Amino acid sequence: MAMVARGALVISSPVVNLLLDKNQMIKGVIFCVIFLVVQLIGLNYVDNRLNSSPKEARQVVTTTPAINREEKEKKDSRLS
């Protein structure tokens, strides 16, 4: 079925409508994928900026110096 609208030939058929809908759907999917990639790049950039600062929370191993340990053992033996 062909229709004329303002001097242009417009073809209206279910096949053409299906192709146009798929074209729109493909454009939408491509847009979503590009948007997702841009978000991931942005989050990666922010994450790298936050993790590049010097680590303030360092693992510290606490040990009792030998002098304090000996004094504690003397106090414990006095109490016993």
N, C-alpha and C. Protein backbone atom coordinates (compact mmCIF):
# COMPACT_ATOMS: atom_id res chain seq x y z
N MET A 1 0.84 -1.16 0.00
CA MET A 1 0.00 0.00 0.00
C MET A 1 0.90 1.24 0.00
N ALA A 2 0.66 2.11 -0.91
CA ALA A 2 1.45 3.33 -1.01
C ALA A 2 0.54 4.53 -0.83
N MET A 3 1.06 5.51 -0.10
CA MET A 3 0.28 6.73 0.12
C MET A 3 1.18 7.90 -0.23
N VAL A 4 0.57 8.95 -0.73
CA VAL A 4 1.33 10.14 -1.08
C VAL A 4 1.02 11.20 -0.04
N ALA A 5 2.07 11.74 0.56
CA ALA A 5 1.90 12.79 1.56
C ALA A 5 2.81 13.95 1.20
N ARG A 6 2.24 15.05 0.82
CA ARG A 6 2.95 16.28 0.47
C ARG A 6 4.02 16.04 -0.59
N GLY A 7 3.70 15.30 -1.58
CA GLY A 7 4.59 15.10 -2.70
C GLY A 7 5.63 14.00 -2.48
N ALA A 8 5.68 13.39 -1.31
CA ALA A 8 6.65 12.33 -1.06
C ALA A 8 5.91 11.00 -1.00
N LEU A 9 6.55 9.99 -1.47
CA LEU A 9 5.95 8.66 -1.47
C LEU A 9 6.22 8.02 -0.10
N VAL A 10 5.18 7.69 0.62
CA VAL A 10 5.31 7.07 1.93
C VAL A 10 4.78 5.66 1.83
N ILE A 11 5.62 4.70 2.16
CA ILE A 11 5.21 3.30 2.10
C ILE A 11 4.81 2.89 3.50
N SER A 12 3.60 2.38 3.61
CA SER A 12 3.09 1.95 4.91
C SER A 12 2.75 0.47 4.81
N SER A 13 3.58 -0.35 5.41
CA SER A 13 3.31 -1.78 5.43
C SER A 13 3.83 -2.35 6.74
N PRO A 14 3.33 -3.50 7.17
CA PRO A 14 3.80 -4.09 8.41
C PRO A 14 5.30 -4.40 8.39
N VAL A 15 5.84 -4.78 7.23
CA VAL A 15 7.27 -5.10 7.13
C VAL A 15 8.11 -3.85 7.36
N VAL A 16 7.72 -2.74 6.75
CA VAL A 16 8.46 -1.48 6.92
C VAL A 16 8.36 -1.01 8.36
N ASN A 17 7.17 -1.10 8.95
CA ASN A 17 7.01 -0.69 10.35
C ASN A 17 7.87 -1.55 11.27
N LEU A 18 7.95 -2.85 11.00
CA LEU A 18 8.77 -3.74 11.81
C LEU A 18 10.25 -3.37 11.69
N LEU A 19 10.69 -3.06 10.47
CA LEU A 19 12.08 -2.66 10.27
C LEU A 19 12.39 -1.35 10.98
N LEU A 20 11.46 -0.41 10.92
CA LEU A 20 11.67 0.86 11.60
C LEU A 20 11.71 0.67 13.10
N ASP A 21 10.85 -0.20 13.64
CA ASP A 21 10.84 -0.46 15.08
C ASP A 21 12.14 -1.13 15.52
N LYS A 22 12.63 -2.08 14.71
CA LYS A 22 13.90 -2.72 15.06
C LYS A 22 15.04 -1.72 15.01
N ASN A 23 14.99 -0.81 14.04
CA ASN A 23 16.02 0.21 13.93
C ASN A 23 16.03 1.09 15.17
N GLN A 24 14.85 1.48 15.62
CA GLN A 24 14.75 2.30 16.83
C GLN A 24 15.23 1.52 18.05
N MET A 25 14.90 0.23 18.10
CA MET A 25 15.31 -0.60 19.23
C MET A 25 16.83 -0.75 19.24
N ILE A 26 17.42 -0.96 18.08
CA ILE A 26 18.88 -1.09 18.00
C ILE A 26 19.56 0.20 18.43
N LYS A 27 19.02 1.34 18.01
CA LYS A 27 19.58 2.62 18.43
C LYS A 27 19.50 2.78 19.95
N GLY A 28 18.38 2.36 20.53
CA GLY A 28 18.22 2.44 21.98
C GLY A 28 19.21 1.55 22.71
N VAL A 29 19.41 0.33 22.21
CA VAL A 29 20.36 -0.59 22.84
C VAL A 29 21.78 -0.03 22.73
N ILE A 30 22.13 0.50 21.57
CA ILE A 30 23.46 1.08 21.39
C ILE A 30 23.66 2.26 22.34
N PHE A 31 22.63 3.11 22.47
CA PHE A 31 22.71 4.24 23.39
C PHE A 31 22.92 3.76 24.83
N CYS A 32 22.18 2.74 25.24
CA CYS A 32 22.31 2.22 26.61
C CYS A 32 23.70 1.64 26.86
N VAL A 33 24.25 0.92 25.88
CA VAL A 33 25.59 0.34 26.03
C VAL A 33 26.64 1.45 26.13
N ILE A 34 26.52 2.47 25.30
CA ILE A 34 27.47 3.59 25.35
C ILE A 34 27.35 4.31 26.69
N PHE A 35 26.13 4.52 27.16
CA PHE A 35 25.92 5.18 28.44
C PHE A 35 26.53 4.35 29.58
N LEU A 36 26.38 3.04 29.54
CA LEU A 36 26.94 2.16 30.56
C LEU A 36 28.47 2.23 30.55
N VAL A 37 29.06 2.21 29.37
CA VAL A 37 30.53 2.27 29.27
C VAL A 37 31.04 3.60 29.81
N VAL A 38 30.36 4.69 29.51
CA VAL A 38 30.77 6.01 30.02
C VAL A 38 30.67 6.04 31.54
N GLN A 39 29.61 5.46 32.09
CA GLN A 39 29.48 5.40 33.55
C GLN A 39 30.62 4.60 34.17
N LEU A 40 30.94 3.45 33.59
CA LEU A 40 32.01 2.62 34.13
C LEU A 40 33.35 3.33 34.07
N ILE A 41 33.61 4.04 32.99
CA ILE A 41 34.86 4.80 32.88
C ILE A 41 34.90 5.89 33.95
N GLY A 42 33.79 6.58 34.15
CA GLY A 42 33.74 7.62 35.18
C GLY A 42 33.94 7.06 36.57
N LEU A 43 33.28 5.95 36.88
CA LEU A 43 33.45 5.34 38.20
C LEU A 43 34.87 4.82 38.41
N ASN A 44 35.47 4.28 37.36
CA ASN A 44 36.84 3.81 37.46
C ASN A 44 37.79 4.98 37.74
N TYR A 45 37.55 6.11 37.09
CA TYR A 45 38.37 7.30 37.30
C TYR A 45 38.26 7.78 38.75
N VAL A 46 37.03 7.86 39.25
CA VAL A 46 36.81 8.31 40.63
C VAL A 46 37.45 7.33 41.61
N ASP A 47 37.30 6.03 41.36
CA ASP A 47 37.87 5.02 42.24
C ASP A 47 39.39 5.11 42.27
N ASN A 48 40.00 5.31 41.12
CA ASN A 48 41.46 5.45 41.07
C ASN A 48 41.93 6.70 41.79
N ARG A 49 41.16 7.79 41.69
CA ARG A 49 41.52 9.03 42.39
C ARG A 49 41.46 8.83 43.90
N LEU A 50 40.44 8.11 44.37
CA LEU A 50 40.29 7.90 45.81
C LEU A 50 41.34 6.94 46.35
N ASN A 51 41.70 5.93 45.59
CA ASN A 51 42.65 4.93 46.05
C ASN A 51 44.10 5.34 45.86
N SER A 52 44.36 6.42 45.14
CA SER A 52 45.74 6.82 44.91
C SER A 52 46.32 7.59 46.10
N SER A 53 45.47 8.06 47.00
CA SER A 53 45.97 8.78 48.17
C SER A 53 46.68 7.80 49.10
N PRO A 54 47.63 8.29 49.88
CA PRO A 54 48.35 7.39 50.78
C PRO A 54 47.39 6.74 51.77
N LYS A 55 47.64 5.51 52.04
CA LYS A 55 46.76 4.76 52.94
C LYS A 55 47.01 5.24 54.37
N GLU A 56 45.96 5.72 55.01
CA GLU A 56 46.08 6.18 56.38
C GLU A 56 45.89 5.03 57.37
N ALA A 57 45.11 4.06 57.00
CA ALA A 57 44.86 2.93 57.88
C ALA A 57 45.87 1.84 57.55
N ARG A 58 46.96 1.85 58.26
CA ARG A 58 47.99 0.85 58.04
C ARG A 58 47.89 -0.21 59.13
N GLN A 59 48.27 -1.39 58.77
CA GLN A 59 48.23 -2.47 59.74
C GLN A 59 49.43 -2.33 60.67
N VAL A 60 49.14 -2.26 61.97
CA VAL A 60 50.19 -2.08 62.96
C VAL A 60 50.16 -3.28 63.88
N VAL A 61 51.32 -3.86 64.06
CA VAL A 61 51.45 -4.99 64.97
C VAL A 61 51.99 -4.45 66.28
N THR A 62 51.23 -4.68 67.33
CA THR A 62 51.69 -4.18 68.63
C THR A 62 52.42 -5.31 69.36
N THR A 63 53.58 -4.97 69.84
CA THR A 63 54.37 -5.92 70.63
C THR A 63 54.72 -5.27 71.94
N THR A 64 54.82 -6.08 72.94
CA THR A 64 55.21 -5.57 74.24
C THR A 64 56.72 -5.63 74.33
N PRO A 65 57.36 -4.50 74.60
CA PRO A 65 58.82 -4.51 74.72
C PRO A 65 59.26 -5.45 75.84
N ALA A 66 60.46 -5.99 75.72
CA ALA A 66 60.96 -6.97 76.68
C ALA A 66 61.03 -6.39 78.08
N ILE A 67 61.35 -5.12 78.22
CA ILE A 67 61.46 -4.51 79.55
C ILE A 67 60.10 -4.49 80.23
N ASN A 68 59.07 -4.08 79.50
CA ASN A 68 57.74 -4.04 80.08
C ASN A 68 57.25 -5.45 80.41
N ARG A 69 57.59 -6.40 79.59
CA ARG A 69 57.17 -7.77 79.82
C ARG A 69 57.80 -8.31 81.12
N GLU A 70 59.08 -8.02 81.32
CA GLU A 70 59.75 -8.47 82.53
C GLU A 70 59.16 -7.81 83.76
N GLU A 71 58.85 -6.50 83.67
CA GLU A 71 58.24 -5.81 84.80
C GLU A 71 56.86 -6.39 85.12
N LYS A 72 56.12 -6.72 84.09
CA LYS A 72 54.79 -7.29 84.30
C LYS A 72 54.90 -8.66 84.96
N GLU A 73 55.89 -9.44 84.53
CA GLU A 73 56.07 -10.77 85.12
C GLU A 73 56.47 -10.63 86.60
N LYS A 74 57.27 -9.63 86.94
CA LYS A 74 57.65 -9.41 88.34
C LYS A 74 56.42 -9.03 89.16
N LYS A 75 55.59 -8.13 88.62
CA LYS A 75 54.38 -7.72 89.35
C LYS A 75 53.45 -8.90 89.54
N ASP A 76 53.31 -9.73 88.51
CA ASP A 76 52.44 -10.90 88.61
C ASP A 76 52.97 -11.89 89.65
N SER A 77 54.28 -12.05 89.72
CA SER A 77 54.84 -12.98 90.69
C SER A 77 54.71 -12.44 92.12
N ARG A 78 54.73 -11.14 92.31
CA ARG A 78 54.54 -10.54 93.63
C ARG A 78 53.11 -10.72 94.12
N LEU A 79 52.16 -10.65 93.17
CA LEU A 79 50.76 -10.78 93.56
C LEU A 79 50.42 -12.22 93.91
N SER A 80 51.16 -13.18 93.39
CA SER A 80 50.84 -14.61 93.64
C SER A 80 51.31 -15.08 94.98
